[in-house]
Amino acid sequence: MDDPSNADQLAENVGIHRGKACAILLAKSLSVPVLLDDSDARKFALDLDLEVIGSVGIIIKAVKLGLISREVRKACKCYVVKC
């Protein structure tokens, strides 16, 4: 898929990285959730009524679906709570 033509302008106007602008525009055009951890990009995506999922959200979903082993869950929990 080609980069959206207005990604540079959007990135500059919103104050986010061009790659994040592309991800937001792609998610909007496909009506799918967007994976973002950057707070400014997340706020903008939410303002566009996009579903936003962060890295921790992906880990939680994978745990709930049983896609992550017990050992990995323990390591992720330590990382998330900084133990």
C-alpha atoms as a PDB file:
ATOM      1  CA  MET A   1       0.000   0.000   0.000  1.00  0.00           C
ATOM      2  CA  ASP A   2       1.292   3.477  -0.848  1.00  0.00           C
ATOM      3  CA  ASP A   3       1.904   6.066   1.838  1.00  0.00           C
ATOM      4  CA  PRO A   4      -1.055   8.412   2.236  1.00  0.00           C
ATOM      5  CA  SER A   5      -0.419  11.649   0.382  1.00  0.00           C
ATOM      6  CA  ASN A   6      -1.420  13.822   3.320  1.00  0.00           C
ATOM      7  CA  ALA A   7       0.680  12.018   5.969  1.00  0.00           C
ATOM      8  CA  ASP A   8       3.417  14.665   6.024  1.00  0.00           C
ATOM      9  CA  GLN A   9       0.925  17.491   6.464  1.00  0.00           C
ATOM     10  CA  LEU A  10      -1.009  15.596   9.127  1.00  0.00           C
ATOM     11  CA  ALA A  11       2.181  14.768  11.050  1.00  0.00           C
ATOM     12  CA  GLU A  12       3.271  18.389  10.995  1.00  0.00           C
ATOM     13  CA  ASN A  13      -0.159  19.768  11.962  1.00  0.00           C
ATOM     14  CA  VAL A  14      -0.672  17.341  14.839  1.00  0.00           C
ATOM     15  CA  GLY A  15       2.953  17.247  15.960  1.00  0.00           C
ATOM     16  CA  ILE A  16       3.493  13.512  15.594  1.00  0.00           C
ATOM     17  CA  HIS A  17       5.956  11.372  13.653  1.00  0.00           C
ATOM     18  CA  ARG A  18       5.113  10.703  10.005  1.00  0.00           C
ATOM     19  CA  GLY A  19       5.016   6.937  10.620  1.00  0.00           C
ATOM     20  CA  LYS A  20       2.382   7.355  13.302  1.00  0.00           C
ATOM     21  CA  ALA A  21       0.365   9.604  10.990  1.00  0.00           C
ATOM     22  CA  CYS A  22       0.517   6.883   8.306  1.00  0.00           C
ATOM     23  CA  ALA A  23      -0.641   4.249  10.808  1.00  0.00           C
ATOM     24  CA  ILE A  24      -3.561   6.428  11.891  1.00  0.00           C
ATOM     25  CA  LEU A  25      -4.601   7.199   8.318  1.00  0.00           C
ATOM     26  CA  LEU A  26      -4.369   3.516   7.349  1.00  0.00           C
ATOM     27  CA  ALA A  27      -6.416   2.416  10.367  1.00  0.00           C
ATOM     28  CA  LYS A  28      -9.034   5.061   9.583  1.00  0.00           C
ATOM     29  CA  SER A  29      -9.268   3.999   5.935  1.00  0.00           C
ATOM     30  CA  LEU A  30      -9.591   0.298   6.839  1.00  0.00           C
ATOM     31  CA  SER A  31     -11.820   0.830   9.913  1.00  0.00           C
ATOM     32  CA  VAL A  32      -9.472  -1.175  12.128  1.00  0.00           C
ATOM     33  CA  PRO A  33      -7.823  -0.496  15.505  1.00  0.00           C
ATOM     34  CA  VAL A  34      -4.432   1.219  15.531  1.00  0.00           C
ATOM     35  CA  LEU A  35      -1.446   0.208  17.678  1.00  0.00           C
ATOM     36  CA  LEU A  36       0.068   3.313  19.297  1.00  0.00           C
ATOM     37  CA  ASP A  37       1.949   4.054  22.501  1.00  0.00           C
ATOM     38  CA  ASP A  38       2.754   7.731  21.856  1.00  0.00           C
ATOM     39  CA  SER A  39       0.334   9.866  23.892  1.00  0.00           C
ATOM     40  CA  ASP A  40      -0.087  12.645  21.301  1.00  0.00           C
ATOM     41  CA  ALA A  41      -0.759  10.141  18.522  1.00  0.00           C
ATOM     42  CA  ARG A  42      -3.164   8.184  20.744  1.00  0.00           C
ATOM     43  CA  LYS A  43      -5.124  11.344  21.606  1.00  0.00           C
ATOM     44  CA  PHE A  44      -5.394  12.315  17.950  1.00  0.00           C
ATOM     45  CA  ALA A  45      -6.507   8.801  16.929  1.00  0.00           C
ATOM     46  CA  LEU A  46      -9.123   8.769  19.699  1.00  0.00           C
ATOM     47  CA  ASP A  47     -10.383  12.160  18.479  1.00  0.00           C
ATOM     48  CA  LEU A  48     -10.957  10.447  15.113  1.00  0.00           C
ATOM     49  CA  ASP A  49     -13.033   7.780  16.895  1.00  0.00           C
ATOM     50  CA  LEU A  50     -10.434   5.100  16.240  1.00  0.00           C
ATOM     51  CA  GLU A  51      -9.954   2.205  18.614  1.00  0.00           C
ATOM     52  CA  VAL A  52      -6.429   2.529  20.022  1.00  0.00           C
ATOM     53  CA  ILE A  53      -4.475  -0.384  21.460  1.00  0.00           C
ATOM     54  CA  GLY A  54      -1.070  -0.043  23.113  1.00  0.00           C
ATOM     55  CA  SER A  55       1.732  -2.548  23.552  1.00  0.00           C
ATOM     56  CA  VAL A  56       0.491  -3.562  26.991  1.00  0.00           C
ATOM     57  CA  GLY A  57      -2.996  -4.039  25.561  1.00  0.00           C
ATOM     58  CA  ILE A  58      -1.596  -6.475  23.006  1.00  0.00           C
ATOM     59  CA  ILE A  59       0.129  -8.449  25.772  1.00  0.00           C
ATOM     60  CA  ILE A  60      -3.059  -8.546  27.861  1.00  0.00           C
ATOM     61  CA  LYS A  61      -5.108  -9.727  24.894  1.00  0.00           C
ATOM     62  CA  ALA A  62      -2.570 -12.436  24.064  1.00  0.00           C
ATOM     63  CA  VAL A  63      -2.626 -13.658  27.681  1.00  0.00           C
ATOM     64  CA  LYS A  64      -6.425 -13.783  27.702  1.00  0.00           C
ATOM     65  CA  LEU A  65      -6.403 -15.776  24.448  1.00  0.00           C
ATOM     66  CA  GLY A  66      -3.807 -18.187  25.849  1.00  0.00           C
ATOM     67  CA  LEU A  67      -1.236 -17.244  23.215  1.00  0.00           C
ATOM     68  CA  ILE A  68       1.530 -16.488  25.709  1.00  0.00           C
ATOM     69  CA  SER A  69       3.173 -19.134  27.887  1.00  0.00           C
ATOM     70  CA  ARG A  70       3.288 -18.912  31.670  1.00  0.00           C
ATOM     71  CA  GLU A  71       6.999 -18.029  31.619  1.00  0.00           C
ATOM     72  CA  VAL A  72       6.467 -15.174  29.194  1.00  0.00           C
ATOM     73  CA  ARG A  73       3.495 -13.905  31.202  1.00  0.00           C
ATOM     74  CA  LYS A  74       5.670 -13.718  34.310  1.00  0.00           C
ATOM     75  CA  ALA A  75       8.374 -11.823  32.423  1.00  0.00           C
ATOM     76  CA  CYS A  76       5.807  -9.423  30.948  1.00  0.00           C
ATOM     77  CA  LYS A  77       4.236  -8.815  34.333  1.00  0.00           C
ATOM     78  CA  CYS A  78       7.642  -7.941  35.755  1.00  0.00           C
ATOM     79  CA  TYR A  79       8.303  -5.585  32.862  1.00  0.00           C
ATOM     80  CA  VAL A  80       4.916  -3.857  33.136  1.00  0.00           C
ATOM     81  CA  VAL A  81       5.103  -3.333  36.899  1.00  0.00           C
ATOM     82  CA  LYS A  82       8.892  -2.743  36.792  1.00  0.00           C
ATOM     83  CA  CYS A  83       9.807  -5.391  39.358  1.00  0.00           C
END
